[in-house]
Amino acid sequence: MERFTPTTLNAVGTDASLAQAFLSFLPSGGSYTVLPGFADVHVHLREPGFSYKETMASGTRAAAAGGYTAVCAMPNLNPVPDSLEHLAQEEAAIAAGAVIPVYPYGAITVGEKGETLADLAGMAERVCAFSDDGRGVQSREMMERAMTEAKALGKIIAAHCEDNSLLNGGYIHDGAYARAHGHRGICSESEWRPIARDLELAAKTGCQYHVCHISAKESVELIRQAKKSGVDVTCETGPHYLVLDDSLLQEDGRFKMNPPLRDKADREALVAGLLDGTIDMIATDHAPHSAAEKAKGLAGSAMGVVGLETAFPVVYTHLVRPGLLTLERAVALLSETPRRRFGLSSDAGFSVWDLTARRVVDPAAFQSLGRATPFAGMEVWGKCMLTVCGGQVVWQAERS
């Protein structure tokens, strides 16, 4: 531990001396922890096309407030970035509003409709990876074509794995809560079956394959076995899947996301996957919607919750403090591994945290325009005091 007057800084995964020039931004007399800036490979910044939900400015401020210094923006926008012309509109929004680096995804198919391959070659040098996130690629043939071209281009296919034929109108997990409360359930097979298909295709094509937001125990095991057999696969899960399950559901849209919160055995399998290295990174799937879109209960609300401002405190509170993960491992899952896999800048900057601060999650205080979080009212440890990116302060907590 390095000591500076009047503040104590404990560095994890980075150099505390980096923060020395910024001590004046911190309240004196505290004990703070310096962490490398986090990187989230799965966020929805909603611009262009849906700026009433979120903007580049509000979304990246939320990221900075959560200790992030890089995010990868999903392509379910209007227009969908499926060509250089459409991608340029998103890049213009990034240039105009982002306070931290934003790496756009290119779509796998035109309009994310699954019918025609997008201009992967044209976009390759300007995107972090290809994804039709929000929609699963239903056609095995289309996914194989995409993987073959992505392999030639040296790019990742990041898959939202969802078999539409198995959804049956479901909107929460097909478990005890759904049955007890008369809700339509989404079976776990709708997630793991497309993963099984894609793992076969990844083995065949040699494509770099990444599985988005896994939630089911079967998904964990399929990926575990694929890694053992040499498939070039990584995966992510979200803090909400690691901490919550469907026994904690309430009749509130803030508990509705896709994939849904599943049961206790699934949550435990995800934690085990973190511990044995099957799950490579934690990503939020930050998906803001308007208050009206989230005010229609479990059945009628839009899918998606926000997560950039709560991710580290939730992971620290529920996984690090109880001793399930070391702080160093949590930092690797949030920063090192996503940067390495997706080829993001290794100049992570840093964030400074007061890990002794205990607070209640208050969505009204979010920087994000989205307010729907299943963690509302939860007591967590950890407050981001300062985030520095590119040598500039991009977030500073108000002094109390």
Protein backbone atom coordinates (compact mmCIF):
# COMPACT_ATOMS: atom_id res chain seq x y z
CA MET A 1 0.00 0.00 0.00
CA GLU A 2 1.29 3.43 -0.94
CA ARG A 3 0.59 6.33 1.36
CA PHE A 4 0.07 9.90 0.33
CA THR A 5 -0.98 12.79 2.54
CA PRO A 6 -3.76 13.28 3.32
CA THR A 7 -5.30 10.32 1.46
CA THR A 8 -4.49 6.61 1.59
CA LEU A 9 -4.57 4.86 -1.78
CA ASN A 10 -4.56 1.09 -2.18
CA ALA A 11 -4.02 0.04 -5.79
CA VAL A 12 -5.43 -3.19 -7.23
CA GLY A 13 -4.52 -4.12 -10.80
CA THR A 14 -2.97 -0.71 -11.50
CA ASP A 15 -0.43 1.78 -10.14
CA ALA A 16 -1.54 4.05 -7.30
CA SER A 17 0.96 6.66 -8.42
CA LEU A 18 -1.25 7.30 -11.45
CA ALA A 19 -3.76 8.90 -9.12
CA GLN A 20 -1.30 11.11 -7.27
CA ALA A 21 -1.84 14.09 -9.56
CA PHE A 22 -5.59 13.85 -8.98
CA LEU A 23 -5.62 13.78 -5.17
CA SER A 24 -7.04 17.29 -5.05
CA PHE A 25 -10.25 15.90 -6.54
CA LEU A 26 -10.76 13.59 -3.56
CA PRO A 27 -12.02 14.44 -0.08
CA SER A 28 -9.05 14.53 2.29
CA GLY A 29 -8.53 12.01 5.03
CA GLY A 30 -10.19 9.08 3.30
CA SER A 31 -8.91 5.65 2.37
CA TYR A 32 -9.42 4.91 -1.32
CA THR A 33 -8.79 2.07 -3.72
CA VAL A 34 -7.49 2.70 -7.24
CA LEU A 35 -8.74 0.27 -9.88
CA PRO A 36 -8.12 0.13 -13.62
CA GLY A 37 -10.98 1.53 -15.66
CA PHE A 38 -13.57 -1.13 -16.41
CA ALA A 39 -14.62 -2.16 -19.91
CA ASP A 40 -18.16 -3.29 -20.72
CA VAL A 41 -18.54 -5.21 -23.97
CA HIS A 42 -22.34 -5.16 -23.88
CA VAL A 43 -24.18 -1.85 -23.57
CA HIS A 44 -27.10 -0.23 -25.36
CA LEU A 45 -26.56 3.49 -25.80
CA ARG A 46 -29.72 3.92 -27.94
CA GLU A 47 -28.33 6.60 -30.25
CA PRO A 48 -29.07 7.09 -33.08
CA GLY A 49 -32.76 6.30 -33.19
CA PHE A 50 -33.91 6.02 -29.60
CA SER A 51 -32.48 9.00 -27.76
CA TYR A 52 -35.58 9.26 -25.57
CA LYS A 53 -34.27 6.13 -23.83
CA GLU A 54 -30.58 7.15 -23.61
CA THR A 55 -28.04 9.34 -25.40
CA MET A 56 -24.34 8.94 -25.97
CA ALA A 57 -23.79 11.68 -23.41
CA SER A 58 -26.02 10.24 -20.69
CA GLY A 59 -24.97 6.64 -21.29
CA THR A 60 -21.25 7.35 -21.20
CA ARG A 61 -21.65 9.59 -18.14
CA ALA A 62 -23.36 6.64 -16.46
CA ALA A 63 -20.47 4.43 -17.49
CA ALA A 64 -17.89 6.87 -16.12
CA ALA A 65 -19.87 7.12 -12.86
CA GLY A 66 -19.60 3.34 -12.59
CA GLY A 67 -15.85 3.32 -13.12
CA TYR A 68 -15.91 2.40 -16.82
CA THR A 69 -13.48 3.88 -19.31
CA ALA A 70 -14.56 1.86 -22.36
CA VAL A 71 -17.85 0.44 -23.58
CA CYS A 72 -18.91 -1.54 -26.65
CA ALA A 73 -22.23 -0.33 -28.09
CA MET A 74 -24.72 -2.86 -29.44
CA PRO A 75 -26.20 -2.31 -32.92
CA ASN A 76 -29.96 -2.44 -32.33
CA LEU A 77 -30.28 1.19 -33.41
CA ASN A 78 -32.05 3.15 -36.14
CA PRO A 79 -30.44 2.93 -38.56
CA VAL A 80 -28.84 -0.40 -37.70
CA PRO A 81 -25.06 -0.15 -38.35
CA ASP A 82 -25.09 -2.77 -41.11
CA SER A 83 -23.11 -0.72 -43.64
CA LEU A 84 -20.48 2.01 -43.60
CA GLU A 85 -23.15 4.62 -44.33
CA HIS A 86 -25.25 3.58 -41.35
CA LEU A 87 -22.24 3.04 -39.09
CA ALA A 88 -21.12 6.60 -39.82
CA GLN A 89 -24.27 7.97 -38.18
CA GLU A 90 -23.48 6.16 -34.95
CA GLU A 91 -19.86 7.29 -35.14
CA ALA A 92 -21.03 10.89 -35.48
CA ALA A 93 -23.14 10.50 -32.34
CA ILE A 94 -20.16 9.04 -30.49
CA ALA A 95 -17.92 11.92 -31.56
CA ALA A 96 -20.50 14.48 -30.50
CA GLY A 97 -21.54 13.09 -27.12
CA ALA A 98 -19.34 10.38 -25.63
CA VAL A 99 -17.15 11.22 -22.62
CA ILE A 100 -15.26 7.89 -22.76
CA PRO A 101 -14.25 5.66 -25.70
CA VAL A 102 -17.18 3.87 -27.33
CA TYR A 103 -16.48 0.92 -29.62
CA PRO A 104 -19.43 0.19 -31.92
CA TYR A 105 -20.57 -3.25 -32.99
CA GLY A 106 -21.49 -3.90 -36.59
CA ALA A 107 -24.63 -5.93 -37.25
CA ILE A 108 -24.34 -9.49 -38.53
CA THR A 109 -27.33 -9.14 -40.85
CA VAL A 110 -29.00 -6.24 -42.64
CA GLY A 111 -31.40 -4.56 -40.26
CA GLU A 112 -30.75 -7.39 -37.78
CA LYS A 113 -33.46 -9.26 -39.67
CA GLY A 114 -31.46 -12.45 -40.16
CA GLU A 115 -32.08 -12.55 -43.90
CA THR A 116 -29.08 -10.94 -45.64
CA LEU A 117 -25.50 -10.75 -44.45
CA ALA A 118 -24.44 -7.20 -43.56
CA ASP A 119 -21.35 -5.55 -45.05
CA LEU A 120 -18.95 -7.21 -42.65
CA ALA A 121 -15.86 -6.56 -44.76
CA GLY A 122 -16.67 -2.89 -45.18
CA MET A 123 -17.18 -2.31 -41.45
CA ALA A 124 -14.49 -4.62 -40.08
CA GLU A 125 -11.82 -2.01 -39.38
CA ARG A 126 -14.25 0.30 -37.59
CA VAL A 127 -16.13 -2.07 -35.29
CA CYS A 128 -15.13 -4.13 -32.26
CA ALA A 129 -17.10 -7.20 -33.36
CA PHE A 130 -20.30 -8.28 -35.11
CA SER A 131 -23.60 -9.00 -33.37
CA ASP A 132 -27.33 -8.99 -33.97
CA ASP A 133 -27.86 -8.48 -30.26
CA GLY A 134 -31.50 -8.30 -29.27
CA ARG A 135 -32.28 -10.94 -31.85
CA GLY A 136 -30.89 -14.41 -32.34
CA VAL A 137 -29.69 -15.44 -35.79
CA GLN A 138 -32.25 -18.17 -36.45
CA SER A 139 -30.68 -19.69 -39.56
CA ARG A 140 -27.81 -22.13 -39.13
CA GLU A 141 -26.73 -21.41 -42.69
CA MET A 142 -26.67 -17.64 -42.09
CA MET A 143 -24.64 -18.02 -38.90
CA GLU A 144 -22.14 -20.28 -40.65
CA ARG A 145 -21.74 -17.73 -43.46
CA ALA A 146 -21.21 -14.96 -40.90
CA MET A 147 -18.66 -16.97 -38.95
CA THR A 148 -16.76 -17.91 -42.10
CA GLU A 149 -16.47 -14.27 -43.15
CA ALA A 150 -15.69 -13.06 -39.63
CA LYS A 151 -12.89 -15.65 -39.44
CA ALA A 152 -11.39 -14.29 -42.67
CA LEU A 153 -11.64 -10.74 -41.30
CA GLY A 154 -10.19 -11.63 -37.90
CA LYS A 155 -13.31 -10.42 -36.06
CA ILE A 156 -15.49 -11.82 -33.28
CA ILE A 157 -19.07 -12.98 -33.71
CA ALA A 158 -20.88 -12.05 -30.47
CA ALA A 159 -24.16 -13.94 -30.37
CA HIS A 160 -27.47 -13.23 -28.72
CA CYS A 161 -28.55 -16.85 -28.43
CA GLU A 162 -32.32 -17.23 -28.58
CA ASP A 163 -34.39 -19.76 -30.50
CA ASN A 164 -37.62 -17.99 -31.38
CA SER A 165 -39.45 -21.28 -31.97
CA LEU A 166 -39.10 -22.11 -28.27
CA LEU A 167 -40.26 -18.81 -26.78
CA ASN A 168 -44.03 -19.43 -26.90
CA GLY A 169 -44.83 -15.89 -25.87
CA GLY A 170 -42.78 -16.12 -22.68
CA TYR A 171 -41.33 -13.11 -20.89
CA ILE A 172 -39.90 -14.42 -17.58
CA HIS A 173 -38.18 -17.69 -16.71
CA ASP A 174 -40.29 -20.83 -17.04
CA GLY A 175 -39.96 -21.64 -13.37
CA ALA A 176 -41.80 -21.71 -10.07
CA TYR A 177 -42.64 -18.01 -10.03
CA ALA A 178 -44.13 -18.07 -13.51
CA ARG A 179 -46.29 -21.08 -12.67
CA ALA A 180 -47.41 -19.66 -9.32
CA HIS A 181 -48.38 -16.28 -10.75
CA GLY A 182 -49.83 -17.24 -14.12
CA HIS A 183 -47.02 -15.84 -16.27
CA ARG A 184 -45.75 -17.21 -19.58
CA GLY A 185 -42.30 -18.68 -19.20
CA ILE A 186 -39.16 -18.70 -21.32
CA CYS A 187 -37.50 -22.09 -21.22
CA SER A 188 -33.73 -22.40 -20.76
CA GLU A 189 -33.53 -24.49 -23.94
CA SER A 190 -34.30 -21.37 -25.98
CA GLU A 191 -30.86 -20.14 -24.87
CA TRP A 192 -28.70 -23.23 -24.71
CA ARG A 193 -29.82 -24.89 -27.94
CA PRO A 194 -28.57 -22.02 -30.16
CA ILE A 195 -25.34 -21.99 -28.15
CA ALA A 196 -24.86 -25.69 -28.90
CA ARG A 197 -25.44 -25.02 -32.61
CA ASP A 198 -23.05 -22.09 -32.68
CA LEU A 199 -20.31 -23.96 -30.82
CA GLU A 200 -20.42 -26.62 -33.52
CA LEU A 201 -20.13 -23.91 -36.17
CA ALA A 202 -17.32 -22.16 -34.34
CA ALA A 203 -15.40 -25.43 -34.19
CA LYS A 204 -16.01 -25.95 -37.91
CA THR A 205 -15.11 -22.43 -39.07
CA GLY A 206 -12.43 -21.51 -36.52
CA CYS A 207 -14.25 -18.24 -35.84
CA GLN A 208 -13.68 -16.26 -32.67
CA TYR A 209 -17.03 -16.74 -30.94
CA HIS A 210 -18.44 -14.87 -27.95
CA VAL A 211 -21.69 -15.72 -26.19
CA CYS A 212 -23.64 -12.78 -24.79
CA HIS A 213 -25.41 -12.69 -21.41
CA ILE A 214 -25.58 -16.39 -20.50
CA SER A 215 -28.13 -17.18 -17.81
CA ALA A 216 -28.67 -20.96 -17.76
CA LYS A 217 -26.71 -23.78 -16.18
CA GLU A 218 -26.80 -25.76 -19.42
CA SER A 219 -25.14 -22.85 -21.23
CA VAL A 220 -22.30 -22.84 -18.72
CA GLU A 221 -21.66 -26.55 -19.18
CA LEU A 222 -21.78 -26.40 -22.98
CA ILE A 223 -19.21 -23.60 -23.02
CA ARG A 224 -17.06 -25.37 -20.42
CA GLN A 225 -16.87 -28.48 -22.58
CA ALA A 226 -16.29 -26.50 -25.77
CA LYS A 227 -13.32 -24.74 -24.20
CA LYS A 228 -11.87 -28.08 -23.19
CA SER A 229 -12.17 -29.26 -26.79
CA GLY A 230 -10.33 -26.20 -28.10
CA VAL A 231 -13.15 -24.06 -29.49
CA ASP A 232 -12.23 -20.36 -29.58
CA VAL A 233 -15.10 -19.26 -27.37
CA THR A 234 -15.58 -16.72 -24.61
CA CYS A 235 -18.72 -15.66 -22.79
CA GLU A 236 -20.16 -13.09 -20.44
CA THR A 237 -22.83 -12.90 -17.79
CA GLY A 238 -24.36 -9.98 -15.93
CA PRO A 239 -24.33 -8.98 -12.27
CA HIS A 240 -28.09 -9.55 -12.01
CA TYR A 241 -27.76 -13.18 -13.10
CA LEU A 242 -25.00 -13.76 -10.54
CA VAL A 243 -26.85 -12.23 -7.61
CA LEU A 244 -30.59 -12.66 -8.24
CA ASP A 245 -32.91 -15.50 -9.25
CA ASP A 246 -36.60 -15.89 -10.03
CA SER A 247 -37.50 -16.45 -6.36
CA LEU A 248 -36.85 -12.72 -5.91
CA LEU A 249 -39.10 -11.54 -8.74
CA GLN A 250 -41.69 -8.86 -8.11
CA GLU A 251 -44.59 -7.71 -10.25
CA ASP A 252 -42.52 -4.83 -11.56
CA GLY A 253 -40.94 -4.13 -14.95
CA ARG A 254 -37.57 -3.50 -13.32
CA PHE A 255 -37.23 -7.27 -12.96
CA LYS A 256 -37.81 -7.94 -16.67
CA MET A 257 -34.84 -8.54 -18.95
CA ASN A 258 -33.81 -10.91 -21.72
CA PRO A 259 -32.66 -13.53 -20.95
CA PRO A 260 -34.68 -13.62 -17.75
CA LEU A 261 -33.59 -14.22 -14.19
CA ARG A 262 -33.59 -18.00 -13.85
CA ASP A 263 -33.62 -20.24 -10.80
CA LYS A 264 -31.18 -20.77 -7.95
CA ALA A 265 -29.41 -23.69 -9.62
CA ASP A 266 -28.71 -21.54 -12.67
CA ARG A 267 -27.34 -18.70 -10.54
CA GLU A 268 -25.08 -21.10 -8.66
CA ALA A 269 -23.83 -22.58 -11.94
CA LEU A 270 -22.95 -19.09 -13.17
CA VAL A 271 -20.95 -18.34 -10.04
CA ALA A 272 -19.17 -21.68 -10.42
CA GLY A 273 -18.43 -20.74 -14.02
CA LEU A 274 -16.78 -17.53 -12.87
CA LEU A 275 -14.64 -19.42 -10.39
CA ASP A 276 -13.38 -22.07 -12.83
CA GLY A 277 -12.81 -19.69 -15.73
CA THR A 278 -15.65 -20.86 -17.95
CA ILE A 279 -17.17 -17.37 -17.80
CA ASP A 280 -14.59 -14.87 -19.02
CA MET A 281 -16.08 -11.50 -18.18
CA ILE A 282 -18.90 -9.61 -16.51
CA ALA A 283 -20.93 -7.32 -18.76
CA THR A 284 -23.99 -5.33 -17.77
CA ASP A 285 -26.26 -5.51 -20.85
CA HIS A 286 -27.15 -1.94 -19.86
CA ALA A 287 -30.49 -1.50 -21.63
CA PRO A 288 -32.32 1.72 -20.74
CA HIS A 289 -35.98 2.33 -21.54
CA SER A 290 -38.36 5.15 -20.74
CA ALA A 291 -40.33 5.11 -17.51
CA ALA A 292 -43.54 4.47 -19.46
CA GLU A 293 -42.02 1.44 -21.19
CA LYS A 294 -41.04 -0.09 -17.84
CA ALA A 295 -44.27 0.70 -15.98
CA LYS A 296 -46.39 -2.15 -17.35
CA GLY A 297 -45.44 -4.95 -14.99
CA LEU A 298 -43.75 -8.19 -15.92
CA ALA A 299 -46.12 -9.00 -18.75
CA GLY A 300 -46.22 -5.66 -20.54
CA SER A 301 -42.94 -3.88 -19.87
CA ALA A 302 -40.07 -3.68 -22.34
CA MET A 303 -37.19 -6.11 -21.83
CA GLY A 304 -34.08 -4.59 -20.30
CA VAL A 305 -32.57 -3.01 -17.20
CA VAL A 306 -29.75 -0.54 -16.60
CA GLY A 307 -26.53 -1.61 -14.94
CA LEU A 308 -23.47 0.55 -15.55
CA GLU A 309 -23.73 2.45 -12.28
CA THR A 310 -24.39 -0.57 -10.08
CA ALA A 311 -22.19 -3.30 -11.59
CA PHE A 312 -19.07 -3.00 -9.48
CA PRO A 313 -20.81 -2.24 -6.16
CA VAL A 314 -23.10 -5.27 -6.65
CA VAL A 315 -20.19 -7.56 -7.57
CA TYR A 316 -18.10 -6.21 -4.71
CA THR A 317 -20.92 -6.53 -2.17
CA HIS A 318 -22.22 -9.97 -3.11
CA LEU A 319 -19.18 -11.77 -4.50
CA VAL A 320 -16.00 -10.10 -3.22
CA ARG A 321 -16.90 -9.19 0.35
CA PRO A 322 -18.31 -12.68 1.12
CA GLY A 323 -15.09 -14.22 -0.22
CA LEU A 324 -16.44 -15.90 -3.36
CA LEU A 325 -14.16 -13.82 -5.60
CA THR A 326 -10.97 -11.95 -4.83
CA LEU A 327 -10.96 -8.28 -5.67
CA GLU A 328 -8.18 -8.97 -8.18
CA ARG A 329 -10.33 -11.57 -9.96
CA ALA A 330 -13.32 -9.23 -10.04
CA VAL A 331 -11.16 -6.52 -11.62
CA ALA A 332 -9.92 -8.97 -14.25
CA LEU A 333 -13.50 -9.92 -15.14
CA LEU A 334 -14.51 -6.28 -15.43
CA SER A 335 -11.43 -4.85 -17.11
CA GLU A 336 -8.55 -7.04 -18.21
CA THR A 337 -10.35 -9.92 -19.94
CA PRO A 338 -12.87 -7.88 -21.95
CA ARG A 339 -10.12 -5.53 -23.16
CA ARG A 340 -7.90 -8.39 -24.23
CA ARG A 341 -10.61 -10.43 -25.99
CA PHE A 342 -12.16 -7.52 -27.88
CA GLY A 343 -8.91 -5.72 -28.67
CA LEU A 344 -9.81 -2.57 -26.76
CA SER A 345 -7.25 0.00 -25.71
CA SER A 346 -4.91 -1.25 -23.02
CA ASP A 347 -4.69 2.32 -21.67
CA ALA A 348 -7.53 1.77 -19.25
CA GLY A 349 -7.19 4.92 -17.17
CA PHE A 350 -8.39 4.34 -13.64
CA SER A 351 -11.19 4.81 -11.16
CA VAL A 352 -10.92 5.62 -7.47
CA TRP A 353 -13.34 3.95 -5.05
CA ASP A 354 -14.28 4.35 -1.44
CA LEU A 355 -14.92 0.71 -0.60
CA THR A 356 -15.93 1.62 2.95
CA ALA A 357 -18.92 3.62 1.72
CA ARG A 358 -22.22 1.86 2.28
CA ARG A 359 -25.26 3.18 0.44
CA VAL A 360 -28.67 2.28 -0.91
CA VAL A 361 -29.10 2.07 -4.69
CA ASP A 362 -31.22 5.07 -5.69
CA PRO A 363 -32.18 5.13 -9.38
CA ALA A 364 -33.19 8.80 -9.09
CA ALA A 365 -29.51 9.62 -8.68
CA PHE A 366 -28.42 7.80 -11.85
CA GLN A 367 -26.66 9.59 -14.68
CA SER A 368 -28.41 7.25 -17.10
CA LEU A 369 -31.82 8.26 -18.44
CA GLY A 370 -32.92 4.72 -17.61
CA ARG A 371 -34.09 4.08 -14.08
CA ALA A 372 -35.23 0.45 -14.16
CA THR A 373 -32.93 -1.72 -12.05
CA PRO A 374 -33.68 -4.82 -9.99
CA PHE A 375 -31.16 -3.48 -7.46
CA ALA A 376 -33.23 -0.42 -6.49
CA GLY A 377 -33.30 -0.16 -2.69
CA MET A 378 -30.47 -2.68 -2.24
CA GLU A 379 -27.72 -1.77 0.21
CA VAL A 380 -24.29 -2.00 -1.43
CA TRP A 381 -20.70 -1.21 -0.59
CA GLY A 382 -18.49 0.96 -2.76
CA LYS A 383 -18.75 4.46 -4.18
CA CYS A 384 -16.94 5.63 -7.29
CA MET A 385 -15.26 8.88 -6.30
CA LEU A 386 -13.33 9.63 -9.47
CA THR A 387 -12.82 8.23 -12.97
CA VAL A 388 -9.93 9.34 -15.16
CA CYS A 389 -9.69 8.48 -18.86
CA GLY A 390 -7.15 9.80 -21.34
CA GLY A 391 -5.63 11.91 -18.59
CA GLN A 392 -8.93 13.74 -18.04
CA VAL A 393 -11.41 13.54 -15.18
CA VAL A 394 -14.60 12.12 -16.71
CA TRP A 395 -16.43 11.56 -13.43
CA GLN A 396 -16.17 13.12 -10.00
CA ALA A 397 -18.58 12.31 -7.18
CA GLU A 398 -20.14 15.22 -5.35
CA ARG A 399 -18.48 15.93 -2.04
CA SER A 400 -20.81 15.25 0.83
